[in-house]
Amino acid sequence: MEYELLGWPPDGPKLRLDYKRFSYAGKFVMTNTGKAVARSADGKIAAAVAFNEDRTDADTLWLRYVTVDRDQRGEGIGPQLCRLVRDRALERGYDRLRIAVNNPFAYEALYRTGFAYTGKTTGIAELVLEYPTPNDDTDWGDRERYQAGLAEFRERDLSDDETAFLDARRDSEPPAREIRDE
């Protein structure tokens, strides 16, 4: 897999993704977001991420949309692509990155990438994660912070797979963080 940052906001390229293979495909045609992609050996896009600066804090970069080809989900491509954007954003001078996630699978994947739950949600019930680990007024340890996010998901209408995933993580430590640039 080849990982590539294509451009920074506000002058990101348009990407035309197949809506049958990629969630959020229509969001990648906007040019006001930066983009990064993962390409398979044959050059086809396997994953993409769109990102832009926070409107009120120029030191913060938001990962807005992360999508992986339906046939390649669960292979670690999305988290590796997020690591690439994270590392390049830090090199570019951003102090922190944030992402809002809407399912426990994405939550876990981003935790492995070094993001941590902030205790906040967006207006559309997405949990906000931040890298580096939020330095806030809570006295949560890593385990408590991680479990608080999982508890938020447990209160939702979930698929059987999501319920089993959450049950397997009840009272567990956070996943090992894979924060290196591979």
N, C-alpha and C. Protein backbone atom coordinates (compact mmCIF):
# COMPACT_ATOMS: atom_id res chain seq x y z
N MET A 1 0.85 -1.17 0.00
CA MET A 1 0.00 0.00 0.00
C MET A 1 0.89 1.23 0.00
N GLU A 2 0.55 2.21 -0.80
CA GLU A 2 1.28 3.47 -0.86
C GLU A 2 0.40 4.57 -0.29
N TYR A 3 0.95 5.35 0.65
CA TYR A 3 0.21 6.41 1.32
C TYR A 3 0.75 7.75 0.85
N GLU A 4 -0.17 8.67 0.50
CA GLU A 4 0.25 9.93 -0.11
C GLU A 4 -0.64 11.08 0.34
N LEU A 5 -0.01 12.18 0.77
CA LEU A 5 -0.75 13.40 1.07
C LEU A 5 -0.82 14.19 -0.22
N LEU A 6 -2.03 14.47 -0.68
CA LEU A 6 -2.23 15.10 -1.99
C LEU A 6 -2.26 16.62 -1.94
N GLY A 7 -2.64 17.20 -0.82
CA GLY A 7 -2.74 18.66 -0.73
C GLY A 7 -3.33 19.10 0.59
N TRP A 8 -3.06 20.35 0.93
CA TRP A 8 -3.53 20.95 2.19
C TRP A 8 -4.71 21.87 1.93
N PRO A 9 -5.54 22.09 2.95
CA PRO A 9 -6.60 23.07 2.78
C PRO A 9 -5.99 24.47 2.70
N PRO A 10 -6.58 25.39 2.03
CA PRO A 10 -7.90 25.31 1.40
C PRO A 10 -7.85 24.88 -0.07
N ASP A 11 -6.70 24.41 -0.54
CA ASP A 11 -6.55 24.13 -1.97
C ASP A 11 -6.40 22.64 -2.27
N GLY A 12 -7.17 21.82 -1.60
CA GLY A 12 -7.08 20.39 -1.82
C GLY A 12 -7.65 19.98 -3.17
N PRO A 13 -7.21 18.84 -3.67
CA PRO A 13 -7.71 18.36 -4.96
C PRO A 13 -9.10 17.76 -4.83
N LYS A 14 -9.78 17.65 -5.94
CA LYS A 14 -11.05 16.92 -5.98
C LYS A 14 -10.73 15.44 -6.14
N LEU A 15 -11.46 14.62 -5.43
CA LEU A 15 -11.36 13.18 -5.60
C LEU A 15 -12.74 12.66 -5.96
N ARG A 16 -12.82 11.88 -6.99
CA ARG A 16 -14.09 11.25 -7.36
C ARG A 16 -14.01 9.79 -6.95
N LEU A 17 -14.72 9.47 -5.88
CA LEU A 17 -14.74 8.11 -5.36
C LEU A 17 -16.06 7.43 -5.72
N ASP A 18 -16.02 6.16 -5.93
CA ASP A 18 -17.20 5.38 -6.26
C ASP A 18 -18.09 5.27 -5.00
N TYR A 19 -19.28 5.82 -5.06
CA TYR A 19 -20.16 5.83 -3.90
C TYR A 19 -20.59 4.43 -3.48
N LYS A 20 -20.46 3.45 -4.35
CA LYS A 20 -20.81 2.07 -3.99
C LYS A 20 -19.71 1.42 -3.16
N ARG A 21 -18.50 1.91 -3.28
CA ARG A 21 -17.36 1.33 -2.56
C ARG A 21 -16.93 2.15 -1.35
N PHE A 22 -17.20 3.47 -1.36
CA PHE A 22 -16.71 4.35 -0.33
C PHE A 22 -17.84 5.14 0.33
N SER A 23 -17.88 5.10 1.66
CA SER A 23 -18.78 5.98 2.40
C SER A 23 -18.31 7.42 2.21
N TYR A 24 -19.22 8.36 2.30
CA TYR A 24 -18.89 9.80 2.20
C TYR A 24 -18.25 10.18 0.88
N ALA A 25 -18.44 9.40 -0.17
CA ALA A 25 -17.76 9.66 -1.45
C ALA A 25 -17.98 11.09 -1.94
N GLY A 26 -19.17 11.62 -1.78
CA GLY A 26 -19.47 12.96 -2.26
C GLY A 26 -18.71 14.06 -1.55
N LYS A 27 -18.23 13.80 -0.35
CA LYS A 27 -17.50 14.82 0.42
C LYS A 27 -16.10 15.07 -0.12
N PHE A 28 -15.60 14.18 -0.95
CA PHE A 28 -14.22 14.30 -1.43
C PHE A 28 -14.09 15.11 -2.71
N VAL A 29 -15.22 15.60 -3.26
CA VAL A 29 -15.13 16.47 -4.44
C VAL A 29 -14.96 17.93 -4.04
N MET A 30 -15.12 18.24 -2.76
CA MET A 30 -14.90 19.61 -2.29
C MET A 30 -13.40 19.92 -2.37
N THR A 31 -13.08 21.14 -2.78
CA THR A 31 -11.67 21.51 -2.91
C THR A 31 -11.15 22.31 -1.72
N ASN A 32 -12.00 22.61 -0.75
CA ASN A 32 -11.55 23.41 0.39
C ASN A 32 -10.94 22.56 1.51
N THR A 33 -10.85 21.25 1.30
CA THR A 33 -10.23 20.38 2.29
C THR A 33 -8.97 19.75 1.71
N GLY A 34 -8.00 19.49 2.61
CA GLY A 34 -6.84 18.74 2.21
C GLY A 34 -7.23 17.28 2.02
N LYS A 35 -6.42 16.54 1.31
CA LYS A 35 -6.73 15.13 1.05
C LYS A 35 -5.47 14.30 1.15
N ALA A 36 -5.65 13.06 1.58
CA ALA A 36 -4.60 12.05 1.54
C ALA A 36 -5.26 10.75 1.13
N VAL A 37 -4.48 9.90 0.46
CA VAL A 37 -5.03 8.63 -0.03
C VAL A 37 -4.05 7.49 0.25
N ALA A 38 -4.61 6.30 0.23
CA ALA A 38 -3.83 5.06 0.23
C ALA A 38 -4.15 4.39 -1.10
N ARG A 39 -3.11 3.98 -1.81
CA ARG A 39 -3.30 3.32 -3.10
C ARG A 39 -2.74 1.90 -3.03
N SER A 40 -3.47 0.99 -3.63
CA SER A 40 -3.01 -0.39 -3.73
C SER A 40 -1.92 -0.48 -4.79
N ALA A 41 -1.32 -1.63 -4.92
CA ALA A 41 -0.21 -1.82 -5.86
C ALA A 41 -0.60 -1.49 -7.30
N ASP A 42 -1.89 -1.66 -7.64
CA ASP A 42 -2.34 -1.36 -9.00
C ASP A 42 -2.71 0.11 -9.18
N GLY A 43 -2.48 0.95 -8.15
CA GLY A 43 -2.74 2.38 -8.24
C GLY A 43 -4.14 2.81 -7.88
N LYS A 44 -5.03 1.87 -7.61
CA LYS A 44 -6.41 2.22 -7.24
C LYS A 44 -6.46 2.73 -5.80
N ILE A 45 -7.32 3.71 -5.58
CA ILE A 45 -7.49 4.25 -4.24
C ILE A 45 -8.17 3.21 -3.36
N ALA A 46 -7.55 2.93 -2.20
CA ALA A 46 -8.10 1.99 -1.23
C ALA A 46 -8.71 2.73 -0.04
N ALA A 47 -8.27 3.96 0.21
CA ALA A 47 -8.78 4.76 1.32
C ALA A 47 -8.47 6.23 1.06
N ALA A 48 -9.24 7.09 1.71
CA ALA A 48 -9.02 8.53 1.59
C ALA A 48 -9.42 9.21 2.89
N VAL A 49 -8.78 10.34 3.15
CA VAL A 49 -9.14 11.17 4.30
C VAL A 49 -9.15 12.63 3.83
N ALA A 50 -10.14 13.37 4.30
CA ALA A 50 -10.25 14.81 4.02
C ALA A 50 -10.09 15.55 5.35
N PHE A 51 -9.44 16.71 5.33
CA PHE A 51 -9.15 17.43 6.57
C PHE A 51 -9.10 18.93 6.32
N ASN A 52 -9.35 19.70 7.38
CA ASN A 52 -9.21 21.16 7.30
C ASN A 52 -8.98 21.75 8.68
N GLU A 53 -8.56 23.03 8.69
CA GLU A 53 -8.32 23.72 9.95
C GLU A 53 -9.62 23.99 10.68
N ASP A 54 -9.51 24.02 12.00
CA ASP A 54 -10.62 24.44 12.85
C ASP A 54 -10.92 25.91 12.54
N ARG A 55 -12.19 26.26 12.45
CA ARG A 55 -12.55 27.64 12.10
C ARG A 55 -12.15 28.66 13.16
N THR A 56 -11.99 28.23 14.42
CA THR A 56 -11.68 29.18 15.49
C THR A 56 -10.29 28.98 16.09
N ASP A 57 -9.57 27.96 15.64
CA ASP A 57 -8.25 27.67 16.20
C ASP A 57 -7.33 27.17 15.09
N ALA A 58 -6.52 28.06 14.55
CA ALA A 58 -5.66 27.73 13.42
C ALA A 58 -4.59 26.70 13.77
N ASP A 59 -4.39 26.40 15.06
CA ASP A 59 -3.42 25.39 15.47
C ASP A 59 -4.00 23.98 15.49
N THR A 60 -5.29 23.86 15.19
CA THR A 60 -5.98 22.56 15.24
C THR A 60 -6.43 22.15 13.85
N LEU A 61 -6.13 20.92 13.48
CA LEU A 61 -6.55 20.34 12.21
C LEU A 61 -7.59 19.26 12.51
N TRP A 62 -8.71 19.32 11.80
CA TRP A 62 -9.78 18.32 11.93
C TRP A 62 -9.70 17.32 10.78
N LEU A 63 -9.68 16.04 11.10
CA LEU A 63 -9.87 15.01 10.10
C LEU A 63 -11.39 14.91 9.94
N ARG A 64 -11.89 15.25 8.78
CA ARG A 64 -13.34 15.36 8.58
C ARG A 64 -13.99 14.06 8.11
N TYR A 65 -13.39 13.43 7.15
CA TYR A 65 -13.96 12.21 6.59
C TYR A 65 -12.85 11.21 6.34
N VAL A 66 -13.04 10.01 6.82
CA VAL A 66 -12.13 8.91 6.55
C VAL A 66 -12.97 7.81 5.92
N THR A 67 -12.53 7.32 4.79
CA THR A 67 -13.28 6.26 4.12
C THR A 67 -12.32 5.22 3.57
N VAL A 68 -12.73 3.97 3.68
CA VAL A 68 -11.94 2.85 3.18
C VAL A 68 -12.84 2.03 2.26
N ASP A 69 -12.27 1.56 1.17
CA ASP A 69 -13.00 0.70 0.24
C ASP A 69 -13.69 -0.42 1.03
N ARG A 70 -14.98 -0.62 0.77
CA ARG A 70 -15.76 -1.61 1.51
C ARG A 70 -15.09 -2.98 1.55
N ASP A 71 -14.40 -3.36 0.49
CA ASP A 71 -13.76 -4.68 0.42
C ASP A 71 -12.45 -4.75 1.19
N GLN A 72 -11.97 -3.62 1.70
CA GLN A 72 -10.67 -3.61 2.38
C GLN A 72 -10.76 -3.10 3.82
N ARG A 73 -11.96 -2.95 4.33
CA ARG A 73 -12.11 -2.49 5.71
C ARG A 73 -11.58 -3.54 6.67
N GLY A 74 -11.06 -3.07 7.78
CA GLY A 74 -10.53 -3.97 8.80
C GLY A 74 -9.09 -4.40 8.56
N GLU A 75 -8.45 -3.88 7.53
CA GLU A 75 -7.07 -4.25 7.22
C GLU A 75 -6.05 -3.26 7.78
N GLY A 76 -6.51 -2.22 8.49
CA GLY A 76 -5.60 -1.24 9.07
C GLY A 76 -5.20 -0.11 8.14
N ILE A 77 -5.83 -0.04 6.98
CA ILE A 77 -5.47 0.99 6.00
C ILE A 77 -5.88 2.38 6.49
N GLY A 78 -7.09 2.51 7.02
CA GLY A 78 -7.57 3.80 7.50
C GLY A 78 -6.71 4.38 8.61
N PRO A 79 -6.41 3.58 9.66
CA PRO A 79 -5.55 4.11 10.72
C PRO A 79 -4.15 4.50 10.21
N GLN A 80 -3.59 3.72 9.30
CA GLN A 80 -2.27 4.07 8.77
C GLN A 80 -2.34 5.39 8.00
N LEU A 81 -3.41 5.58 7.25
CA LEU A 81 -3.57 6.83 6.51
C LEU A 81 -3.74 8.00 7.49
N CYS A 82 -4.47 7.80 8.56
CA CYS A 82 -4.62 8.85 9.58
C CYS A 82 -3.29 9.16 10.25
N ARG A 83 -2.44 8.15 10.46
CA ARG A 83 -1.09 8.38 11.01
C ARG A 83 -0.27 9.27 10.08
N LEU A 84 -0.37 9.01 8.77
CA LEU A 84 0.35 9.84 7.81
C LEU A 84 -0.08 11.31 7.94
N VAL A 85 -1.39 11.55 7.94
CA VAL A 85 -1.89 12.93 8.05
C VAL A 85 -1.47 13.53 9.38
N ARG A 86 -1.60 12.75 10.45
CA ARG A 86 -1.20 13.22 11.78
C ARG A 86 0.26 13.68 11.78
N ASP A 87 1.14 12.83 11.29
CA ASP A 87 2.57 13.14 11.31
C ASP A 87 2.90 14.35 10.44
N ARG A 88 2.30 14.44 9.26
CA ARG A 88 2.58 15.58 8.37
C ARG A 88 1.99 16.87 8.96
N ALA A 89 0.85 16.77 9.62
CA ALA A 89 0.24 17.96 10.24
C ALA A 89 1.12 18.48 11.38
N LEU A 90 1.66 17.59 12.18
CA LEU A 90 2.56 18.02 13.26
C LEU A 90 3.82 18.66 12.68
N GLU A 91 4.36 18.08 11.60
CA GLU A 91 5.52 18.67 10.93
C GLU A 91 5.20 20.05 10.38
N ARG A 92 3.96 20.24 9.96
CA ARG A 92 3.52 21.51 9.37
C ARG A 92 3.27 22.56 10.44
N GLY A 93 3.22 22.17 11.71
CA GLY A 93 3.07 23.13 12.80
C GLY A 93 1.74 23.09 13.54
N TYR A 94 0.86 22.19 13.20
CA TYR A 94 -0.39 22.07 13.96
C TYR A 94 -0.07 21.49 15.33
N ASP A 95 -0.73 22.02 16.37
CA ASP A 95 -0.51 21.55 17.74
C ASP A 95 -1.33 20.31 18.07
N ARG A 96 -2.49 20.20 17.44
CA ARG A 96 -3.38 19.09 17.76
C ARG A 96 -4.27 18.77 16.57
N LEU A 97 -4.74 17.55 16.59
CA LEU A 97 -5.68 17.07 15.57
C LEU A 97 -6.92 16.56 16.29
N ARG A 98 -8.05 16.71 15.64
CA ARG A 98 -9.31 16.20 16.19
C ARG A 98 -10.06 15.46 15.10
N ILE A 99 -10.88 14.53 15.56
CA ILE A 99 -11.77 13.81 14.67
C ILE A 99 -13.02 13.44 15.46
N ALA A 100 -14.16 13.46 14.80
CA ALA A 100 -15.42 13.04 15.41
C ALA A 100 -15.82 11.71 14.79
N VAL A 101 -16.07 10.71 15.63
CA VAL A 101 -16.38 9.36 15.13
C VAL A 101 -17.80 8.97 15.51
N ASN A 102 -18.42 8.16 14.65
CA ASN A 102 -19.82 7.80 14.87
C ASN A 102 -20.04 6.31 15.11
N ASN A 103 -18.96 5.54 15.28
CA ASN A 103 -19.14 4.12 15.55
C ASN A 103 -17.95 3.59 16.35
N PRO A 104 -18.17 2.49 17.09
CA PRO A 104 -17.09 1.99 17.96
C PRO A 104 -15.89 1.44 17.20
N PHE A 105 -16.06 1.00 15.96
CA PHE A 105 -14.93 0.50 15.19
C PHE A 105 -13.96 1.64 14.86
N ALA A 106 -14.50 2.77 14.43
CA ALA A 106 -13.66 3.94 14.15
C ALA A 106 -13.02 4.46 15.44
N TYR A 107 -13.78 4.44 16.52
CA TYR A 107 -13.27 4.87 17.82
C TYR A 107 -12.02 4.07 18.18
N GLU A 108 -12.11 2.75 18.08
CA GLU A 108 -10.99 1.87 18.41
C GLU A 108 -9.81 2.11 17.46
N ALA A 109 -10.09 2.22 16.18
CA ALA A 109 -9.02 2.42 15.20
C ALA A 109 -8.27 3.72 15.47
N LEU A 110 -8.99 4.78 15.79
CA LEU A 110 -8.33 6.06 16.06
C LEU A 110 -7.59 6.04 17.39
N TYR A 111 -8.10 5.29 18.35
CA TYR A 111 -7.38 5.13 19.62
C TYR A 111 -6.01 4.50 19.37
N ARG A 112 -5.98 3.50 18.50
CA ARG A 112 -4.71 2.84 18.17
C ARG A 112 -3.74 3.81 17.50
N THR A 113 -4.27 4.84 16.88
CA THR A 113 -3.46 5.83 16.18
C THR A 113 -2.97 6.93 17.11
N GLY A 114 -3.36 6.87 18.38
CA GLY A 114 -2.88 7.84 19.37
C GLY A 114 -3.89 8.88 19.77
N PHE A 115 -5.08 8.86 19.17
CA PHE A 115 -6.14 9.79 19.56
C PHE A 115 -6.79 9.29 20.84
N ALA A 116 -7.41 10.19 21.60
CA ALA A 116 -8.11 9.83 22.82
C ALA A 116 -9.40 10.63 22.93
N TYR A 117 -10.36 10.07 23.61
CA TYR A 117 -11.68 10.68 23.80
C TYR A 117 -11.55 11.95 24.63
N THR A 118 -12.23 13.00 24.19
CA THR A 118 -12.19 14.29 24.90
C THR A 118 -13.31 14.43 25.93
N GLY A 119 -14.30 13.54 25.87
CA GLY A 119 -15.48 13.69 26.73
C GLY A 119 -16.55 14.53 26.07
N LYS A 120 -16.31 14.98 24.84
CA LYS A 120 -17.25 15.83 24.12
C LYS A 120 -17.85 15.09 22.94
N THR A 121 -19.03 15.55 22.54
CA THR A 121 -19.67 15.03 21.33
C THR A 121 -20.04 16.20 20.45
N THR A 122 -20.25 15.92 19.17
CA THR A 122 -20.72 16.94 18.25
C THR A 122 -22.23 17.00 18.33
N GLY A 123 -22.82 17.93 17.61
CA GLY A 123 -24.27 18.06 17.58
C GLY A 123 -24.97 16.87 16.94
N ILE A 124 -24.21 16.05 16.22
CA ILE A 124 -24.83 14.88 15.59
C ILE A 124 -24.38 13.59 16.27
N ALA A 125 -24.05 13.71 17.57
CA ALA A 125 -23.76 12.58 18.44
C ALA A 125 -22.50 11.80 18.05
N GLU A 126 -21.54 12.48 17.46
CA GLU A 126 -20.25 11.86 17.20
C GLU A 126 -19.33 12.16 18.39
N LEU A 127 -18.52 11.22 18.77
CA LEU A 127 -17.57 11.42 19.85
C LEU A 127 -16.33 12.10 19.31
N VAL A 128 -15.86 13.13 20.01
CA VAL A 128 -14.69 13.88 19.59
C VAL A 128 -13.45 13.29 20.23
N LEU A 129 -12.48 12.92 19.38
CA LEU A 129 -11.19 12.41 19.82
C LEU A 129 -10.13 13.42 19.44
N GLU A 130 -9.01 13.39 20.18
CA GLU A 130 -7.96 14.39 19.95
C GLU A 130 -6.58 13.74 20.07
N TYR A 131 -5.64 14.27 19.29
CA TYR A 131 -4.24 13.90 19.38
C TYR A 131 -3.44 15.18 19.54
N PRO A 132 -2.49 15.27 20.44
CA PRO A 132 -2.20 14.26 21.45
C PRO A 132 -3.32 14.16 22.48
N THR A 133 -3.20 13.21 23.39
CA THR A 133 -4.23 13.01 24.40
C THR A 133 -4.61 14.35 25.01
N PRO A 134 -5.91 14.62 25.10
CA PRO A 134 -6.36 15.92 25.61
C PRO A 134 -5.79 16.22 27.00
N ASN A 135 -5.35 17.45 27.15
CA ASN A 135 -4.88 17.93 28.45
C ASN A 135 -5.99 18.84 28.98
N ASP A 136 -6.93 18.21 29.66
CA ASP A 136 -8.10 18.97 30.11
C ASP A 136 -8.23 18.89 31.63
N ASP A 137 -9.35 19.35 32.14
CA ASP A 137 -9.55 19.41 33.58
C ASP A 137 -10.04 18.11 34.19
N THR A 138 -10.25 17.07 33.38
CA THR A 138 -10.72 15.81 33.95
C THR A 138 -9.56 15.08 34.60
N ASP A 139 -9.87 14.23 35.53
CA ASP A 139 -8.82 13.43 36.15
C ASP A 139 -8.90 11.98 35.65
N TRP A 140 -9.42 11.82 34.44
CA TRP A 140 -9.52 10.50 33.85
C TRP A 140 -8.13 9.94 33.59
N GLY A 141 -7.96 8.69 33.92
CA GLY A 141 -6.77 7.98 33.46
C GLY A 141 -7.06 7.46 32.06
N ASP A 142 -6.09 6.87 31.42
CA ASP A 142 -6.29 6.35 30.07
C ASP A 142 -7.46 5.37 30.01
N ARG A 143 -7.51 4.44 30.96
CA ARG A 143 -8.57 3.43 30.96
C ARG A 143 -9.95 4.06 31.13
N GLU A 144 -10.07 4.98 32.07
CA GLU A 144 -11.36 5.62 32.33
C GLU A 144 -11.82 6.45 31.13
N ARG A 145 -10.89 7.15 30.52
CA ARG A 145 -11.20 7.96 29.34
C ARG A 145 -11.68 7.06 28.20
N TYR A 146 -10.96 5.99 27.95
CA TYR A 146 -11.32 5.04 26.89
C TYR A 146 -12.69 4.41 27.15
N GLN A 147 -12.91 3.95 28.38
CA GLN A 147 -14.18 3.31 28.72
C GLN A 147 -15.35 4.29 28.68
N ALA A 148 -15.12 5.56 28.98
CA ALA A 148 -16.19 6.56 28.91
C ALA A 148 -16.71 6.69 27.49
N GLY A 149 -15.82 6.65 26.51
CA GLY A 149 -16.26 6.70 25.11
C GLY A 149 -17.04 5.46 24.73
N LEU A 150 -16.55 4.29 25.14
CA LEU A 150 -17.29 3.06 24.83
C LEU A 150 -18.68 3.09 25.46
N ALA A 151 -18.79 3.64 26.67
CA ALA A 151 -20.09 3.74 27.34
C ALA A 151 -21.06 4.60 26.54
N GLU A 152 -20.55 5.65 25.91
CA GLU A 152 -21.41 6.49 25.05
C GLU A 152 -22.03 5.65 23.93
N PHE A 153 -21.24 4.79 23.32
CA PHE A 153 -21.76 3.96 22.24
C PHE A 153 -22.75 2.92 22.74
N ARG A 154 -22.53 2.39 23.93
CA ARG A 154 -23.41 1.35 24.48
C ARG A 154 -24.84 1.84 24.65
N GLU A 155 -25.03 3.13 24.76
CA GLU A 155 -26.36 3.70 24.96
C GLU A 155 -27.12 3.90 23.66
N ARG A 156 -26.57 3.46 22.55
CA ARG A 156 -27.16 3.68 21.23
C ARG A 156 -27.78 2.41 20.68
N ASP A 157 -28.56 2.59 19.63
CA ASP A 157 -29.11 1.46 18.89
C ASP A 157 -27.98 0.92 18.02
N LEU A 158 -27.53 -0.29 18.30
CA LEU A 158 -26.34 -0.83 17.66
C LEU A 158 -26.63 -2.09 16.86
N SER A 159 -25.77 -2.37 15.91
CA SER A 159 -25.84 -3.64 15.19
C SER A 159 -25.33 -4.75 16.11
N ASP A 160 -25.58 -5.99 15.74
CA ASP A 160 -25.08 -7.12 16.52
C ASP A 160 -23.55 -7.11 16.58
N ASP A 161 -22.92 -6.77 15.46
CA ASP A 161 -21.45 -6.71 15.43
C ASP A 161 -20.92 -5.64 16.37
N GLU A 162 -21.56 -4.48 16.39
CA GLU A 162 -21.13 -3.40 17.29
C GLU A 162 -21.32 -3.80 18.75
N THR A 163 -22.44 -4.44 19.05
CA THR A 163 -22.71 -4.88 20.43
C THR A 163 -21.66 -5.90 20.87
N ALA A 164 -21.35 -6.88 20.02
CA ALA A 164 -20.33 -7.88 20.35
C ALA A 164 -18.96 -7.23 20.53
N PHE A 165 -18.65 -6.28 19.68
CA PHE A 165 -17.38 -5.55 19.75
C PHE A 165 -17.26 -4.84 21.10
N LEU A 166 -18.32 -4.14 21.50
CA LEU A 166 -18.31 -3.41 22.77
C LEU A 166 -18.28 -4.37 23.96
N ASP A 167 -19.03 -5.46 23.88
CA ASP A 167 -19.02 -6.45 24.97
C ASP A 167 -17.63 -7.01 25.19
N ALA A 168 -16.90 -7.24 24.11
CA ALA A 168 -15.55 -7.79 24.21
C ALA A 168 -14.57 -6.81 24.87
N ARG A 169 -14.94 -5.55 24.91
CA ARG A 169 -14.04 -4.54 25.47
C ARG A 169 -14.50 -4.00 26.83
N ARG A 170 -15.55 -4.57 27.37
CA ARG A 170 -16.06 -4.12 28.67
C ARG A 170 -14.96 -4.26 29.72
N ASP A 171 -14.69 -3.20 30.43
CA ASP A 171 -13.69 -3.15 31.51
C ASP A 171 -12.26 -3.39 31.05
N SER A 172 -11.97 -3.27 29.77
CA SER A 172 -10.61 -3.50 29.27
C SER A 172 -9.80 -2.21 29.28
N GLU A 173 -8.52 -2.38 29.17
CA GLU A 173 -7.60 -1.26 28.99
C GLU A 173 -7.76 -0.75 27.56
N PRO A 174 -7.33 0.47 27.27
CA PRO A 174 -7.35 0.96 25.89
C PRO A 174 -6.43 0.10 25.02
N PRO A 175 -6.68 0.08 23.72
CA PRO A 175 -5.79 -0.70 22.85
C PRO A 175 -4.39 -0.09 22.84
N ALA A 176 -3.43 -0.92 22.52
CA ALA A 176 -2.05 -0.44 22.40
C ALA A 176 -2.01 0.64 21.33
N ARG A 177 -1.34 1.70 21.63
CA ARG A 177 -1.24 2.81 20.67
C ARG A 177 -0.10 2.56 19.71
N GLU A 178 -0.43 2.67 18.46
CA GLU A 178 0.54 2.49 17.38
C GLU A 178 0.77 3.87 16.79
N ILE A 179 1.58 4.68 17.45
CA ILE A 179 1.70 6.09 17.06
C ILE A 179 2.90 6.36 16.17
N ARG A 180 3.60 5.35 15.80
CA ARG A 180 4.78 5.54 14.94
C ARG A 180 4.37 5.77 13.50
N ASP A 181 5.24 6.39 12.77
CA ASP A 181 5.06 6.56 11.33
C ASP A 181 5.71 5.36 10.66
N GLU A 182 4.90 4.52 10.04
CA GLU A 182 5.43 3.29 9.44
C GLU A 182 5.85 3.52 8.02
